[in-house]
Structures are given as structure tokens and as C-alpha cells.
Amino acid sequence: MQELINKVAAALGIPADKARTAVSAALGFLRAKLPGPAAVQLESALQKAGYSGPIPEGVTDEKAVAEKGGIPANKVDSLMEMVLGFLKDKLPGGMGGQLEGLLKEGGGGLFQKIAGLFGGGKS
């Protein structure tokens, strides 16, 4: 996870402690999009990847990611792409497809970009 935090810090031009907060907000957003059992699987995958921080509650949209993550709204897309790119190979079997489906249902913009990382989002 430190690799991801360093990447986010460099890409967004923020200190590592702010990058850790931003990554946590992005993870909170992902967890909020998953049903209970899948959210538990995500948390387990995160622990295996070395994530030990808290995952915030109530991160349900891009605005909440920006607010809880302490980053400008125009940086949320980049943050989510980096977080999901990092997690893609670390998620348990089937979870990538499940998350992709949920994100597709969310509409355009950020959701379609994220779904594209999992091979979806193409019409």
C-alpha cells in the first residue's frame, strides 16, 4: 500500500500523509458501492495488501471522496484510477466484475472511467 500512497502523493502533488487520507476516502467510496459480503472481501484483500488504516463511512459520491480525502474535486478521477489500478490484481476472484457492474450502474463520468479499468464501460 505504501507504493500506492507514494504514487498518489507524486501524481497529485501532495504530502504522503494527505495521500494516505485520500486513498482511505477512495477505499471508503468503493466499500460503500459493494454489498455487505463483498465489502468484507474488499477489506480482507486490503489487509492482505498491507492496508491497516481506517476506511471512512459515508463516502458515497465524488464530492464526498474529495471532502473526506482532503483533495480538490478535479483530482478525484485521477485518485480513483490509481487506487483501482492498484487493487485490480489484488481483489478476490469475481469481485472486480462485481465492482465493475455496480460502477456501470452509477452513470457516466467517474463511474464509466472506473468500470473501464475492469474491462467494462464500453458501449
Protein backbone atom coordinates (compact mmCIF):
# COMPACT_ATOMS: atom_id res chain seq x y z
CA MET A 1 0.00 0.00 0.00
CA GLN A 2 2.91 2.33 0.61
CA GLU A 3 3.69 2.06 -3.09
CA LEU A 4 0.17 3.30 -3.89
CA ILE A 5 0.39 6.12 -1.35
CA ASN A 6 3.71 7.26 -2.81
CA LYS A 7 2.26 7.13 -6.33
CA VAL A 8 -0.79 9.18 -5.30
CA ALA A 9 1.40 11.71 -3.48
CA ALA A 10 3.62 12.19 -6.52
CA ALA A 11 0.79 12.30 -9.06
CA LEU A 12 -1.39 14.71 -7.09
CA GLY A 13 1.48 16.78 -5.72
CA ILE A 14 0.52 16.26 -2.08
CA PRO A 15 2.40 15.03 1.01
CA ALA A 16 2.28 11.32 1.83
CA ASP A 17 0.03 11.83 4.87
CA LYS A 18 -2.56 13.61 2.72
CA ALA A 19 -2.20 10.88 0.08
CA ARG A 20 -2.95 8.25 2.75
CA THR A 21 -6.12 10.17 3.69
CA ALA A 22 -7.13 10.45 0.03
CA VAL A 23 -6.57 6.72 -0.55
CA SER A 24 -8.68 5.96 2.53
CA ALA A 25 -11.52 8.11 1.15
CA ALA A 26 -11.32 6.30 -2.20
CA LEU A 27 -11.49 2.95 -0.40
CA GLY A 28 -14.49 4.19 1.57
CA PHE A 29 -16.19 5.06 -1.71
CA LEU A 30 -15.51 1.59 -3.11
CA ARG A 31 -16.71 -0.13 0.04
CA ALA A 32 -19.91 1.94 0.01
CA LYS A 33 -20.67 0.66 -3.50
CA LEU A 34 -20.40 -3.01 -2.54
CA PRO A 35 -23.00 -5.17 -0.79
CA GLY A 36 -22.08 -6.42 2.72
CA PRO A 37 -20.31 -9.71 1.91
CA ALA A 38 -18.31 -8.15 -0.93
CA ALA A 39 -17.34 -5.22 1.29
CA VAL A 40 -15.93 -7.71 3.80
CA GLN A 41 -13.95 -9.38 0.99
CA LEU A 42 -12.60 -5.97 -0.05
CA GLU A 43 -11.46 -5.26 3.49
CA SER A 44 -9.77 -8.67 3.65
CA ALA A 45 -8.00 -8.04 0.34
CA LEU A 46 -6.84 -4.65 1.62
CA GLN A 47 -5.38 -6.21 4.75
CA LYS A 48 -3.50 -8.75 2.62
CA ALA A 49 -2.17 -5.85 0.51
CA GLY A 50 -0.85 -4.20 3.68
CA TYR A 51 -3.56 -1.62 4.34
CA SER A 52 -4.09 -1.08 8.06
CA GLY A 53 -5.81 2.29 8.31
CA PRO A 54 -9.47 3.05 8.90
CA ILE A 55 -11.85 3.17 5.96
CA PRO A 56 -14.25 6.10 6.33
CA GLU A 57 -18.02 5.67 6.25
CA GLY A 58 -20.43 7.71 4.17
CA VAL A 59 -18.23 8.21 1.12
CA THR A 60 -20.98 7.80 -1.45
CA ASP A 61 -20.01 10.11 -4.30
CA GLU A 62 -17.20 12.11 -5.89
CA LYS A 63 -17.83 15.13 -3.68
CA ALA A 64 -17.50 13.00 -0.54
CA VAL A 65 -14.25 11.48 -1.83
CA ALA A 66 -12.85 15.00 -2.30
CA GLU A 67 -14.07 16.24 1.09
CA LYS A 68 -13.01 13.22 3.16
CA GLY A 69 -9.83 12.80 1.14
CA GLY A 70 -8.80 16.43 1.51
CA ILE A 71 -8.17 16.85 -2.22
CA PRO A 72 -9.66 19.13 -4.89
CA ALA A 73 -12.68 17.70 -6.72
CA ASN A 74 -10.80 17.83 -10.02
CA LYS A 75 -8.27 15.28 -8.65
CA VAL A 76 -10.83 12.61 -7.71
CA ASP A 77 -10.83 10.90 -11.13
CA SER A 78 -7.04 10.50 -11.04
CA LEU A 79 -7.14 9.24 -7.47
CA MET A 80 -9.78 6.62 -8.23
CA GLU A 81 -7.96 5.42 -11.34
CA MET A 82 -4.74 4.95 -9.35
CA VAL A 83 -6.46 3.18 -6.44
CA LEU A 84 -8.40 0.81 -8.69
CA GLY A 85 -5.41 0.17 -10.92
CA PHE A 86 -3.50 -0.87 -7.81
CA LEU A 87 -6.32 -3.03 -6.44
CA LYS A 88 -7.35 -4.68 -9.69
CA ASP A 89 -4.99 -7.66 -9.34
CA LYS A 90 -5.40 -7.89 -5.57
CA LEU A 91 -9.17 -8.33 -5.44
CA PRO A 92 -10.60 -11.81 -4.87
CA GLY A 93 -11.98 -13.64 -7.91
CA GLY A 94 -15.21 -12.20 -9.22
CA MET A 95 -15.02 -9.02 -7.15
CA GLY A 96 -13.57 -6.99 -10.00
CA GLY A 97 -16.55 -7.89 -12.15
CA GLN A 98 -18.99 -7.17 -9.34
CA LEU A 99 -17.46 -3.76 -8.70
CA GLU A 100 -17.44 -3.05 -12.43
CA GLY A 101 -21.16 -3.81 -12.64
CA LEU A 102 -22.00 -1.57 -9.70
CA LEU A 103 -19.97 1.27 -11.12
CA LYS A 104 -21.60 0.94 -14.54
CA GLU A 105 -24.99 1.35 -12.88
CA GLY A 106 -23.77 4.60 -11.36
CA GLY A 107 -23.94 6.50 -14.63
CA GLY A 108 -21.31 8.37 -16.60
CA GLY A 109 -18.17 10.27 -15.73
CA LEU A 110 -16.08 8.78 -12.98
CA PHE A 111 -18.09 5.57 -12.82
CA GLN A 112 -17.58 4.79 -16.50
CA LYS A 113 -13.85 5.51 -16.27
CA ILE A 114 -13.50 3.20 -13.30
CA ALA A 115 -15.56 0.47 -14.93
CA GLY A 116 -13.23 0.76 -17.94
CA LEU A 117 -10.31 -0.25 -15.72
CA PHE A 118 -12.07 -3.58 -15.20
CA GLY A 119 -12.75 -4.07 -18.90
CA GLY A 120 -16.23 -2.54 -18.90
CA GLY A 121 -17.60 0.88 -19.58
CA LYS A 122 -17.55 0.40 -23.34
CA SER A 123 -20.78 0.80 -25.22
